[in-house]
Amino acid sequence: MKTVTLDVRDPADSMADFTRAWKTGKSQKSARISFASPELLWRVLTEKRWGLLKVLCGAGPVSIREAARLIGRDVKAVHGDVTALLNAGILIHTDDRRIVFPFEAVKVEFLLHAA
């Protein structure tokens, strides 16, 4: 099962991992998309966008219209959510301009520390 981990990490830590992988030629064992803070993660992954990801998990490439039909929402609203997820690097465009979430599972990982 192809899984992506959405996590909260300091940008410097993310860049260090990228640099290490670049220099060694060894990629990470699993896909990872990092956010600088929990607030940013939840600002990008709103309830409606999370619902969109749920229907796109394992669905393969679909048009925005098809994604809207799958989730039962207005095409214009889904278009806005798709744009935000594309900008965050969570969704990708195919060559024929369809969208795809190329994962079958999502793991969200962050730690809440005492203030």
PDB file of N, CA and C in Angstrom:
ATOM      1  N   MET A   1       0.849  -1.174   0.000  1.00  0.00           N
ATOM      2  CA  MET A   1       0.000   0.000   0.000  1.00  0.00           C
ATOM      3  C   MET A   1       0.898   1.242   0.000  1.00  0.00           C
ATOM      4  N   LYS A   2       0.674   2.123  -0.924  1.00  0.00           N
ATOM      5  CA  LYS A   2       1.458   3.353  -1.035  1.00  0.00           C
ATOM      6  C   LYS A   2       0.872   4.406  -0.088  1.00  0.00           C
ATOM      7  N   THR A   3       1.669   4.785   0.917  1.00  0.00           N
ATOM      8  CA  THR A   3       1.216   5.691   1.965  1.00  0.00           C
ATOM      9  C   THR A   3       2.026   6.972   1.945  1.00  0.00           C
ATOM     10  N   VAL A   4       1.372   8.092   2.222  1.00  0.00           N
ATOM     11  CA  VAL A   4       2.053   9.370   2.408  1.00  0.00           C
ATOM     12  C   VAL A   4       1.876   9.793   3.850  1.00  0.00           C
ATOM     13  N   THR A   5       2.939  10.343   4.419  1.00  0.00           N
ATOM     14  CA  THR A   5       2.870  10.878   5.774  1.00  0.00           C
ATOM     15  C   THR A   5       2.823  12.393   5.693  1.00  0.00           C
ATOM     16  N   LEU A   6       1.798  12.988   6.259  1.00  0.00           N
ATOM     17  CA  LEU A   6       1.697  14.433   6.392  1.00  0.00           C
ATOM     18  C   LEU A   6       2.150  14.743   7.808  1.00  0.00           C
ATOM     19  N   ASP A   7       3.188  15.553   7.926  1.00  0.00           N
ATOM     20  CA  ASP A   7       3.702  15.808   9.256  1.00  0.00           C
ATOM     21  C   ASP A   7       4.015  17.276   9.481  1.00  0.00           C
ATOM     22  N   VAL A   8       4.329  17.581  10.728  1.00  0.00           N
ATOM     23  CA  VAL A   8       4.726  18.931  11.123  1.00  0.00           C
ATOM     24  C   VAL A   8       6.198  18.848  11.503  1.00  0.00           C
ATOM     25  N   ARG A   9       7.023  19.585  10.751  1.00  0.00           N
ATOM     26  CA  ARG A   9       8.462  19.570  10.985  1.00  0.00           C
ATOM     27  C   ARG A   9       9.021  20.943  10.716  1.00  0.00           C
ATOM     28  N   ASP A  10      10.087  21.241  11.387  1.00  0.00           N
ATOM     29  CA  ASP A  10      10.812  22.470  11.132  1.00  0.00           C
ATOM     30  C   ASP A  10      11.325  22.435   9.691  1.00  0.00           C
ATOM     31  N   PRO A  11      11.172  23.529   8.933  1.00  0.00           N
ATOM     32  CA  PRO A  11      11.651  23.532   7.551  1.00  0.00           C
ATOM     33  C   PRO A  11      13.126  23.158   7.417  1.00  0.00           C
ATOM     34  N   ALA A  12      13.940  23.527   8.389  1.00  0.00           N
ATOM     35  CA  ALA A  12      15.365  23.173   8.336  1.00  0.00           C
ATOM     36  C   ALA A  12      15.555  21.659   8.403  1.00  0.00           C
ATOM     37  N   ASP A  13      14.757  20.973   9.203  1.00  0.00           N
ATOM     38  CA  ASP A  13      14.842  19.508   9.284  1.00  0.00           C
ATOM     39  C   ASP A  13      14.433  18.862   7.960  1.00  0.00           C
ATOM     40  N   SER A  14      13.372  19.394   7.360  1.00  0.00           N
ATOM     41  CA  SER A  14      12.931  18.879   6.065  1.00  0.00           C
ATOM     42  C   SER A  14      14.008  19.073   5.010  1.00  0.00           C
ATOM     43  N   MET A  15      14.630  20.241   5.010  1.00  0.00           N
ATOM     44  CA  MET A  15      15.675  20.525   4.032  1.00  0.00           C
ATOM     45  C   MET A  15      16.908  19.647   4.280  1.00  0.00           C
ATOM     46  N   ALA A  16      17.242  19.393   5.529  1.00  0.00           N
ATOM     47  CA  ALA A  16      18.375  18.525   5.844  1.00  0.00           C
ATOM     48  C   ALA A  16      18.140  17.110   5.318  1.00  0.00           C
ATOM     49  N   ASP A  17      16.920  16.598   5.481  1.00  0.00           N
ATOM     50  CA  ASP A  17      16.593  15.269   4.952  1.00  0.00           C
ATOM     51  C   ASP A  17      16.687  15.254   3.433  1.00  0.00           C
ATOM     52  N   PHE A  18      16.178  16.311   2.797  1.00  0.00           N
ATOM     53  CA  PHE A  18      16.256  16.412   1.338  1.00  0.00           C
ATOM     54  C   PHE A  18      17.704  16.428   0.875  1.00  0.00           C
ATOM     55  N   THR A  19      18.537  17.239   1.520  1.00  0.00           N
ATOM     56  CA  THR A  19      19.945  17.355   1.148  1.00  0.00           C
ATOM     57  C   THR A  19      20.665  16.020   1.326  1.00  0.00           C
ATOM     58  N   ARG A  20      20.382  15.338   2.423  1.00  0.00           N
ATOM     59  CA  ARG A  20      20.994  14.032   2.683  1.00  0.00           C
ATOM     60  C   ARG A  20      20.598  13.035   1.589  1.00  0.00           C
ATOM     61  N   ALA A  21      19.335  13.014   1.231  1.00  0.00           N
ATOM     62  CA  ALA A  21      18.870  12.100   0.178  1.00  0.00           C
ATOM     63  C   ALA A  21      19.501  12.462  -1.166  1.00  0.00           C
ATOM     64  N   TRP A  22      19.635  13.745  -1.446  1.00  0.00           N
ATOM     65  CA  TRP A  22      20.217  14.209  -2.697  1.00  0.00           C
ATOM     66  C   TRP A  22      21.681  13.777  -2.805  1.00  0.00           C
ATOM     67  N   LYS A  23      22.425  13.958  -1.719  1.00  0.00           N
ATOM     68  CA  LYS A  23      23.858  13.636  -1.721  1.00  0.00           C
ATOM     69  C   LYS A  23      24.117  12.134  -1.783  1.00  0.00           C
ATOM     70  N   THR A  24      23.285  11.355  -1.103  1.00  0.00           N
ATOM     71  CA  THR A  24      23.502   9.907  -1.064  1.00  0.00           C
ATOM     72  C   THR A  24      22.817   9.181  -2.215  1.00  0.00           C
ATOM     73  N   GLY A  25      21.862   9.849  -2.850  1.00  0.00           N
ATOM     74  CA  GLY A  25      21.112   9.194  -3.922  1.00  0.00           C
ATOM     75  C   GLY A  25      20.064   8.232  -3.402  1.00  0.00           C
ATOM     76  N   LYS A  26      19.863   8.215  -2.096  1.00  0.00           N
ATOM     77  CA  LYS A  26      18.873   7.326  -1.489  1.00  0.00           C
ATOM     78  C   LYS A  26      17.666   8.142  -1.066  1.00  0.00           C
ATOM     79  N   SER A  27      16.526   7.778  -1.607  1.00  0.00           N
ATOM     80  CA  SER A  27      15.310   8.497  -1.228  1.00  0.00           C
ATOM     81  C   SER A  27      14.768   7.939   0.081  1.00  0.00           C
ATOM     82  N   GLN A  28      13.839   8.683   0.666  1.00  0.00           N
ATOM     83  CA  GLN A  28      13.191   8.219   1.882  1.00  0.00           C
ATOM     84  C   GLN A  28      12.392   6.964   1.565  1.00  0.00           C
ATOM     85  N   LYS A  29      12.166   6.145   2.584  1.00  0.00           N
ATOM     86  CA  LYS A  29      11.424   4.909   2.394  1.00  0.00           C
ATOM     87  C   LYS A  29       9.954   5.170   2.070  1.00  0.00           C
ATOM     88  N   SER A  30       9.426   6.284   2.563  1.00  0.00           N
ATOM     89  CA  SER A  30       8.021   6.591   2.304  1.00  0.00           C
ATOM     90  C   SER A  30       7.886   8.061   1.920  1.00  0.00           C
ATOM     91  N   ALA A  31       6.807   8.351   1.232  1.00  0.00           N
ATOM     92  CA  ALA A  31       6.545   9.734   0.833  1.00  0.00           C
ATOM     93  C   ALA A  31       6.187  10.556   2.057  1.00  0.00           C
ATOM     94  N   ARG A  32       6.617  11.808   2.051  1.00  0.00           N
ATOM     95  CA  ARG A  32       6.377  12.685   3.193  1.00  0.00           C
ATOM     96  C   ARG A  32       6.123  14.093   2.678  1.00  0.00           C
ATOM     97  N   ILE A  33       5.084  14.717   3.205  1.00  0.00           N
ATOM     98  CA  ILE A  33       4.795  16.124   2.927  1.00  0.00           C
ATOM     99  C   ILE A  33       4.761  16.816   4.277  1.00  0.00           C
ATOM    100  N   SER A  34       5.627  17.807   4.437  1.00  0.00           N
ATOM    101  CA  SER A  34       5.779  18.447   5.749  1.00  0.00           C
ATOM    102  C   SER A  34       5.210  19.860   5.762  1.00  0.00           C
ATOM    103  N   PHE A  35       4.698  20.237   6.924  1.00  0.00           N
ATOM    104  CA  PHE A  35       4.173  21.566   7.180  1.00  0.00           C
ATOM    105  C   PHE A  35       4.953  22.174   8.332  1.00  0.00           C
ATOM    106  N   ALA A  36       5.116  23.483   8.321  1.00  0.00           N
ATOM    107  CA  ALA A  36       5.929  24.170   9.323  1.00  0.00           C
ATOM    108  C   ALA A  36       5.248  24.238  10.693  1.00  0.00           C
ATOM    109  N   SER A  37       3.925  24.115  10.750  1.00  0.00           N
ATOM    110  CA  SER A  37       3.211  24.191  12.025  1.00  0.00           C
ATOM    111  C   SER A  37       1.897  23.419  11.919  1.00  0.00           C
ATOM    112  N   PRO A  38       1.352  22.991  13.066  1.00  0.00           N
ATOM    113  CA  PRO A  38       0.037  22.335  13.028  1.00  0.00           C
ATOM    114  C   PRO A  38      -1.034  23.265  12.460  1.00  0.00           C
ATOM    115  N   GLU A  39      -0.905  24.557  12.757  1.00  0.00           N
ATOM    116  CA  GLU A  39      -1.892  25.520  12.264  1.00  0.00           C
ATOM    117  C   GLU A  39      -1.891  25.563  10.739  1.00  0.00           C
ATOM    118  N   LEU A  40      -0.715  25.513  10.135  1.00  0.00           N
ATOM    119  CA  LEU A  40      -0.620  25.521   8.677  1.00  0.00           C
ATOM    120  C   LEU A  40      -1.190  24.229   8.095  1.00  0.00           C
ATOM    121  N   LEU A  41      -0.887  23.112   8.729  1.00  0.00           N
ATOM    122  CA  LEU A  41      -1.434  21.841   8.260  1.00  0.00           C
ATOM    123  C   LEU A  41      -2.962  21.896   8.245  1.00  0.00           C
ATOM    124  N   TRP A  42      -3.568  22.373   9.337  1.00  0.00           N
ATOM    125  CA  TRP A  42      -5.038  22.411   9.405  1.00  0.00           C
ATOM    126  C   TRP A  42      -5.635  23.516   8.547  1.00  0.00           C
ATOM    127  N   ARG A  43      -4.871  24.561   8.253  1.00  0.00           N
ATOM    128  CA  ARG A  43      -5.357  25.599   7.342  1.00  0.00           C
ATOM    129  C   ARG A  43      -5.431  25.045   5.915  1.00  0.00           C
ATOM    130  N   VAL A  44      -4.470  24.213   5.547  1.00  0.00           N
ATOM    131  CA  VAL A  44      -4.475  23.604   4.220  1.00  0.00           C
ATOM    132  C   VAL A  44      -5.463  22.446   4.164  1.00  0.00           C
ATOM    133  N   LEU A  45      -5.463  21.597   5.184  1.00  0.00           N
ATOM    134  CA  LEU A  45      -6.325  20.422   5.189  1.00  0.00           C
ATOM    135  C   LEU A  45      -7.612  20.693   5.959  1.00  0.00           C
ATOM    136  N   THR A  46      -8.458  21.511   5.364  1.00  0.00           N
ATOM    137  CA  THR A  46      -9.753  21.788   5.972  1.00  0.00           C
ATOM    138  C   THR A  46     -10.600  20.520   5.951  1.00  0.00           C
ATOM    139  N   GLU A  47     -11.709  20.563   6.625  1.00  0.00           N
ATOM    140  CA  GLU A  47     -12.602  19.405   6.669  1.00  0.00           C
ATOM    141  C   GLU A  47     -13.041  18.980   5.264  1.00  0.00           C
ATOM    142  N   LYS A  48     -13.383  19.941   4.426  1.00  0.00           N
ATOM    143  CA  LYS A  48     -13.841  19.610   3.071  1.00  0.00           C
ATOM    144  C   LYS A  48     -12.701  19.076   2.209  1.00  0.00           C
ATOM    145  N   ARG A  49     -11.505  19.611   2.377  1.00  0.00           N
ATOM    146  CA  ARG A  49     -10.356  19.113   1.608  1.00  0.00           C
ATOM    147  C   ARG A  49      -9.969  17.709   2.067  1.00  0.00           C
ATOM    148  N   TRP A  50     -10.081  17.460   3.369  1.00  0.00           N
ATOM    149  CA  TRP A  50      -9.819  16.121   3.889  1.00  0.00           C
ATOM    150  C   TRP A  50     -10.820  15.133   3.283  1.00  0.00           C
ATOM    151  N   GLY A  51     -12.082  15.536   3.191  1.00  0.00           N
ATOM    152  CA  GLY A  51     -13.095  14.689   2.558  1.00  0.00           C
ATOM    153  C   GLY A  51     -12.770  14.416   1.101  1.00  0.00           C
ATOM    154  N   LEU A  52     -12.255  15.431   0.417  1.00  0.00           N
ATOM    155  CA  LEU A  52     -11.851  15.268  -0.976  1.00  0.00           C
ATOM    156  C   LEU A  52     -10.716  14.253  -1.092  1.00  0.00           C
ATOM    157  N   LEU A  53      -9.730  14.344  -0.211  1.00  0.00           N
ATOM    158  CA  LEU A  53      -8.627  13.380  -0.234  1.00  0.00           C
ATOM    159  C   LEU A  53      -9.138  11.960   0.009  1.00  0.00           C
ATOM    160  N   LYS A  54     -10.113  11.828   0.890  1.00  0.00           N
ATOM    161  CA  LYS A  54     -10.661  10.497   1.180  1.00  0.00           C
ATOM    162  C   LYS A  54     -11.254   9.857  -0.067  1.00  0.00           C
ATOM    163  N   VAL A  55     -11.972  10.637  -0.882  1.00  0.00           N
ATOM    164  CA  VAL A  55     -12.558  10.038  -2.088  1.00  0.00           C
ATOM    165  C   VAL A  55     -11.526   9.855  -3.193  1.00  0.00           C
ATOM    166  N   LEU A  56     -10.436  10.620  -3.144  1.00  0.00           N
ATOM    167  CA  LEU A  56      -9.404  10.486  -4.177  1.00  0.00           C
ATOM    168  C   LEU A  56      -8.369   9.412  -3.847  1.00  0.00           C
ATOM    169  N   CYS A  57      -8.304   8.959  -2.604  1.00  0.00           N
ATOM    170  CA  CYS A  57      -7.356   7.914  -2.208  1.00  0.00           C
ATOM    171  C   CYS A  57      -7.582   6.671  -3.062  1.00  0.00           C
ATOM    172  N   GLY A  58      -6.583   6.313  -3.845  1.00  0.00           N
ATOM    173  CA  GLY A  58      -6.667   5.117  -4.672  1.00  0.00           C
ATOM    174  C   GLY A  58      -7.584   5.210  -5.869  1.00  0.00           C
ATOM    175  N   ALA A  59      -8.174   6.387  -6.134  1.00  0.00           N
ATOM    176  CA  ALA A  59      -9.135   6.532  -7.233  1.00  0.00           C
ATOM    177  C   ALA A  59      -8.469   6.676  -8.594  1.00  0.00           C
ATOM    178  N   GLY A  60      -7.176   7.021  -8.610  1.00  0.00           N
ATOM    179  CA  GLY A  60      -6.501   7.272  -9.882  1.00  0.00           C
ATOM    180  C   GLY A  60      -6.852   8.657 -10.397  1.00  0.00           C
ATOM    181  N   PRO A  61      -6.365   8.996 -11.602  1.00  0.00           N
ATOM    182  CA  PRO A  61      -6.617  10.331 -12.158  1.00  0.00           C
ATOM    183  C   PRO A  61      -8.102  10.567 -12.454  1.00  0.00           C
ATOM    184  N   VAL A  62      -8.599  11.736 -12.055  1.00  0.00           N
ATOM    185  CA  VAL A  62      -9.987  12.120 -12.323  1.00  0.00           C
ATOM    186  C   VAL A  62     -10.017  13.601 -12.698  1.00  0.00           C
ATOM    187  N   SER A  63     -11.077  13.992 -13.368  1.00  0.00           N
ATOM    188  CA  SER A  63     -11.279  15.414 -13.650  1.00  0.00           C
ATOM    189  C   SER A  63     -11.818  16.084 -12.385  1.00  0.00           C
ATOM    190  N   ILE A  64     -11.730  17.387 -12.343  1.00  0.00           N
ATOM    191  CA  ILE A  64     -12.290  18.108 -11.190  1.00  0.00           C
ATOM    192  C   ILE A  64     -13.798  17.892 -11.136  1.00  0.00           C
ATOM    193  N   ARG A  65     -14.429  17.867 -12.286  1.00  0.00           N
ATOM    194  CA  ARG A  65     -15.880  17.619 -12.333  1.00  0.00           C
ATOM    195  C   ARG A  65     -16.211  16.246 -11.735  1.00  0.00           C
ATOM    196  N   GLU A  66     -15.409  15.242 -12.073  1.00  0.00           N
ATOM    197  CA  GLU A  66     -15.624  13.901 -11.539  1.00  0.00           C
ATOM    198  C   GLU A  66     -15.375  13.873 -10.031  1.00  0.00           C
ATOM    199  N   ALA A  67     -14.350  14.582  -9.572  1.00  0.00           N
ATOM    200  CA  ALA A  67     -14.072  14.663  -8.135  1.00  0.00           C
ATOM    201  C   ALA A  67     -15.265  15.298  -7.411  1.00  0.00           C
ATOM    202  N   ALA A  68     -15.831  16.357  -7.990  1.00  0.00           N
ATOM    203  CA  ALA A  68     -16.991  17.019  -7.386  1.00  0.00           C
ATOM    204  C   ALA A  68     -18.182  16.061  -7.320  1.00  0.00           C
ATOM    205  N   ARG A  69     -18.360  15.268  -8.375  1.00  0.00           N
ATOM    206  CA  ARG A  69     -19.458  14.302  -8.393  1.00  0.00           C
ATOM    207  C   ARG A  69     -19.241  13.229  -7.325  1.00  0.00           C
ATOM    208  N   LEU A  70     -17.991  12.743  -7.196  1.00  0.00           N
ATOM    209  CA  LEU A  70     -17.697  11.702  -6.215  1.00  0.00           C
ATOM    210  C   LEU A  70     -17.978  12.155  -4.787  1.00  0.00           C
ATOM    211  N   ILE A  71     -17.718  13.425  -4.504  1.00  0.00           N
ATOM    212  CA  ILE A  71     -17.890  13.926  -3.147  1.00  0.00           C
ATOM    213  C   ILE A  71     -19.251  14.600  -2.939  1.00  0.00           C
ATOM    214  N   GLY A  72     -19.974  14.844  -4.044  1.00  0.00           N
ATOM    215  CA  GLY A  72     -21.301  15.448  -3.941  1.00  0.00           C
ATOM    216  C   GLY A  72     -21.271  16.928  -3.613  1.00  0.00           C
ATOM    217  N   ARG A  73     -20.303  17.642  -4.227  1.00  0.00           N
ATOM    218  CA  ARG A  73     -20.161  19.071  -3.978  1.00  0.00           C
ATOM    219  C   ARG A  73     -20.149  19.834  -5.292  1.00  0.00           C
ATOM    220  N   ASP A  74     -20.297  21.140  -5.175  1.00  0.00           N
ATOM    221  CA  ASP A  74     -20.277  22.060  -6.301  1.00  0.00           C
ATOM    222  C   ASP A  74     -18.896  22.060  -6.967  1.00  0.00           C
ATOM    223  N   VAL A  75     -18.865  22.051  -8.298  1.00  0.00           N
ATOM    224  CA  VAL A  75     -17.611  22.000  -9.052  1.00  0.00           C
ATOM    225  C   VAL A  75     -16.725  23.202  -8.738  1.00  0.00           C
ATOM    226  N   LYS A  76     -17.309  24.389  -8.643  1.00  0.00           N
ATOM    227  CA  LYS A  76     -16.510  25.593  -8.381  1.00  0.00           C
ATOM    228  C   LYS A  76     -15.831  25.524  -7.014  1.00  0.00           C
ATOM    229  N   ALA A  77     -16.552  25.049  -6.009  1.00  0.00           N
ATOM    230  CA  ALA A  77     -15.968  24.933  -4.668  1.00  0.00           C
ATOM    231  C   ALA A  77     -14.863  23.881  -4.650  1.00  0.00           C
ATOM    232  N   VAL A  78     -15.092  22.757  -5.325  1.00  0.00           N
ATOM    233  CA  VAL A  78     -14.083  21.706  -5.396  1.00  0.00           C
ATOM    234  C   VAL A  78     -12.855  22.216  -6.152  1.00  0.00           C
ATOM    235  N   HIS A  79     -13.065  23.013  -7.181  1.00  0.00           N
ATOM    236  CA  HIS A  79     -11.943  23.586  -7.937  1.00  0.00           C
ATOM    237  C   HIS A  79     -11.039  24.396  -7.007  1.00  0.00           C
ATOM    238  N   GLY A  80     -11.628  25.204  -6.135  1.00  0.00           N
ATOM    239  CA  GLY A  80     -10.847  25.994  -5.188  1.00  0.00           C
ATOM    240  C   GLY A  80     -10.057  25.110  -4.232  1.00  0.00           C
ATOM    241  N   ASP A  81     -10.687  24.043  -3.748  1.00  0.00           N
ATOM    242  CA  ASP A  81      -9.991  23.121  -2.853  1.00  0.00           C
ATOM    243  C   ASP A  81      -8.881  22.372  -3.581  1.00  0.00           C
ATOM    244  N   VAL A  82      -9.132  21.964  -4.812  1.00  0.00           N
ATOM    245  CA  VAL A  82      -8.111  21.283  -5.611  1.00  0.00           C
ATOM    246  C   VAL A  82      -6.915  22.202  -5.827  1.00  0.00           C
ATOM    247  N   THR A  83      -7.171  23.475  -6.134  1.00  0.00           N
ATOM    248  CA  THR A  83      -6.085  24.435  -6.335  1.00  0.00           C
ATOM    249  C   THR A  83      -5.221  24.551  -5.081  1.00  0.00           C
ATOM    250  N   ALA A  84      -5.851  24.630  -3.918  1.00  0.00           N
ATOM    251  CA  ALA A  84      -5.098  24.728  -2.666  1.00  0.00           C
ATOM    252  C   ALA A  84      -4.268  23.468  -2.427  1.00  0.00           C
ATOM    253  N   LEU A  85      -4.822  22.300  -2.712  1.00  0.00           N
ATOM    254  CA  LEU A  85      -4.093  21.046  -2.511  1.00  0.00           C
ATOM    255  C   LEU A  85      -2.977  20.866  -3.538  1.00  0.00           C
ATOM    256  N   LEU A  86      -3.186  21.361  -4.748  1.00  0.00           N
ATOM    257  CA  LEU A  86      -2.116  21.353  -5.755  1.00  0.00           C
ATOM    258  C   LEU A  86      -0.970  22.265  -5.313  1.00  0.00           C
ATOM    259  N   ASN A  87      -1.311  23.455  -4.834  1.00  0.00           N
ATOM    260  CA  ASN A  87      -0.288  24.410  -4.382  1.00  0.00           C
ATOM    261  C   ASN A  87       0.514  23.877  -3.205  1.00  0.00           C
ATOM    262  N   ALA A  88      -0.108  23.045  -2.374  1.00  0.00           N
ATOM    263  CA  ALA A  88       0.581  22.464  -1.220  1.00  0.00           C
ATOM    264  C   ALA A  88       1.380  21.215  -1.598  1.00  0.00           C
ATOM    265  N   GLY A  89       1.250  20.765  -2.844  1.00  0.00           N
ATOM    266  CA  GLY A  89       1.977  19.582  -3.287  1.00  0.00           C
ATOM    267  C   GLY A  89       1.320  18.279  -2.893  1.00  0.00           C
ATOM    268  N   ILE A  90       0.068  18.329  -2.477  1.00  0.00           N
ATOM    269  CA  ILE A  90      -0.635  17.121  -2.043  1.00  0.00           C
ATOM    270  C   ILE A  90      -1.277  16.405  -3.225  1.00  0.00           C
ATOM    271  N   LEU A  91      -1.840  17.165  -4.148  1.00  0.00           N
ATOM    272  CA  LEU A  91      -2.365  16.607  -5.391  1.00  0.00           C
ATOM    273  C   LEU A  91      -1.410  16.953  -6.518  1.00  0.00           C
ATOM    274  N   ILE A  92      -1.478  16.194  -7.596  1.00  0.00           N
ATOM    275  CA  ILE A  92      -0.688  16.508  -8.785  1.00  0.00           C
ATOM    276  C   ILE A  92      -1.582  16.492 -10.019  1.00  0.00           C
ATOM    277  N   HIS A  93      -1.153  17.232 -11.035  1.00  0.00           N
ATOM    278  CA  HIS A  93      -1.826  17.223 -12.336  1.00  0.00           C
ATOM    279  C   HIS A  93      -1.196  16.151 -13.212  1.00  0.00           C
ATOM    280  N   THR A  94      -2.017  15.461 -13.969  1.00  0.00           N
ATOM    281  CA  THR A  94      -1.496  14.547 -14.971  1.00  0.00           C
ATOM    282  C   THR A  94      -1.264  15.346 -16.247  1.00  0.00           C
ATOM    283  N   ASP A  95      -0.657  14.715 -17.235  1.00  0.00           N
ATOM    284  CA  ASP A  95      -0.395  15.396 -18.506  1.00  0.00           C
ATOM    285  C   ASP A  95      -1.683  15.858 -19.184  1.00  0.00           C
ATOM    286  N   ASP A  96      -2.765  15.142 -18.973  1.00  0.00           N
ATOM    287  CA  ASP A  96      -4.045  15.524 -19.588  1.00  0.00           C
ATOM    288  C   ASP A  96      -4.901  16.403 -18.669  1.00  0.00           C
ATOM    289  N   ARG A  97      -4.253  17.037 -17.666  1.00  0.00           N
ATOM    290  CA  ARG A  97      -4.869  18.033 -16.778  1.00  0.00           C
ATOM    291  C   ARG A  97      -5.888  17.447 -15.811  1.00  0.00           C
ATOM    292  N   ARG A  98      -5.865  16.147 -15.619  1.00  0.00           N
ATOM    293  CA  ARG A  98      -6.686  15.573 -14.566  1.00  0.00           C
ATOM    294  C   ARG A  98      -5.884  15.661 -13.266  1.00  0.00           C
ATOM    295  N   ILE A  99      -6.548  15.407 -12.159  1.00  0.00           N
ATOM    296  CA  ILE A  99      -5.870  15.464 -10.865  1.00  0.00           C
ATOM    297  C   ILE A  99      -5.738  14.052 -10.314  1.00  0.00           C
ATOM    298  N   VAL A 100      -4.708  13.863  -9.508  1.00  0.00           N
ATOM    299  CA  VAL A 100      -4.529  12.548  -8.896  1.00  0.00           C
ATOM    300  C   VAL A 100      -3.886  12.719  -7.525  1.00  0.00           C
ATOM    301  N   PHE A 101      -4.377  11.930  -6.603  1.00  0.00           N
ATOM    302  CA  PHE A 101      -3.747  11.767  -5.295  1.00  0.00           C
ATOM    303  C   PHE A 101      -3.125  10.380  -5.363  1.00  0.00           C
ATOM    304  N   PRO A 102      -1.809  10.300  -5.585  1.00  0.00           N
ATOM    305  CA  PRO A 102      -1.189   9.018  -5.947  1.00  0.00           C
ATOM    306  C   PRO A 102      -0.909   8.093  -4.760  1.00  0.00           C
ATOM    307  N   PHE A 103      -1.747   8.146  -3.761  1.00  0.00           N
ATOM    308  CA  PHE A 103      -1.547   7.331  -2.562  1.00  0.00           C
ATOM    309  C   PHE A 103      -2.834   6.597  -2.222  1.00  0.00           C
ATOM    310  N   GLU A 104      -2.669   5.501  -1.503  1.00  0.00           N
ATOM    311  CA  GLU A 104      -3.814   4.708  -1.071  1.00  0.00           C
ATOM    312  C   GLU A 104      -4.126   4.913   0.401  1.00  0.00           C
ATOM    313  N   ALA A 105      -3.197   5.570   1.101  1.00  0.00           N
ATOM    314  CA  ALA A 105      -3.392   5.805   2.533  1.00  0.00           C
ATOM    315  C   ALA A 105      -2.660   7.073   2.947  1.00  0.00           C
ATOM    316  N   VAL A 106      -3.165   7.693   4.005  1.00  0.00           N
ATOM    317  CA  VAL A 106      -2.577   8.926   4.538  1.00  0.00           C
ATOM    318  C   VAL A 106      -2.346   8.726   6.029  1.00  0.00           C
ATOM    319  N   LYS A 107      -1.148   9.118   6.458  1.00  0.00           N
ATOM    320  CA  LYS A 107      -0.831   9.108   7.884  1.00  0.00           C
ATOM    321  C   LYS A 107      -0.519  10.542   8.269  1.00  0.00           C
ATOM    322  N   VAL A 108      -1.161  11.048   9.324  1.00  0.00           N
ATOM    323  CA  VAL A 108      -0.893  12.401   9.811  1.00  0.00           C
ATOM    324  C   VAL A 108      -0.131  12.272  11.120  1.00  0.00           C
ATOM    325  N   GLU A 109       0.986  13.004  11.209  1.00  0.00           N
ATOM    326  CA  GLU A 109       1.885  12.829  12.348  1.00  0.00           C
ATOM    327  C   GLU A 109       2.361  14.190  12.855  1.00  0.00           C
ATOM    328  N   PHE A 110       2.045  14.484  14.104  1.00  0.00           N
ATOM    329  CA  PHE A 110       2.660  15.643  14.752  1.00  0.00           C
ATOM    330  C   PHE A 110       2.533  15.486  16.259  1.00  0.00           C
ATOM    331  N   LEU A 111       3.361  16.191  16.961  1.00  0.00           N
ATOM    332  CA  LEU A 111       3.437  16.086  18.403  1.00  0.00           C
ATOM    333  C   LEU A 111       3.057  17.421  19.030  1.00  0.00           C
ATOM    334  N   LEU A 112       2.165  17.398  19.986  1.00  0.00           N
ATOM    335  CA  LEU A 112       1.785  18.605  20.706  1.00  0.00           C
ATOM    336  C   LEU A 112       2.584  18.650  22.002  1.00  0.00           C
ATOM    337  N   HIS A 113       3.370  19.712  22.163  1.00  0.00           N
ATOM    338  CA  HIS A 113       4.210  19.875  23.359  1.00  0.00           C
ATOM    339  C   HIS A 113       3.532  20.799  24.358  1.00  0.00           C
ATOM    340  N   ALA A 114       3.836  20.626  25.613  1.00  0.00           N
ATOM    341  CA  ALA A 114       3.373  21.543  26.641  1.00  0.00           C
ATOM    342  C   ALA A 114       3.999  22.919  26.398  1.00  0.00           C
ATOM    343  N   ALA A 115       3.246  23.961  26.660  1.00  0.00           N
ATOM    344  CA  ALA A 115       3.722  25.322  26.404  1.00  0.00           C
ATOM    345  C   ALA A 115       4.799  25.766  27.369  1.00  0.00           C
TER     346      ALA A 115
END
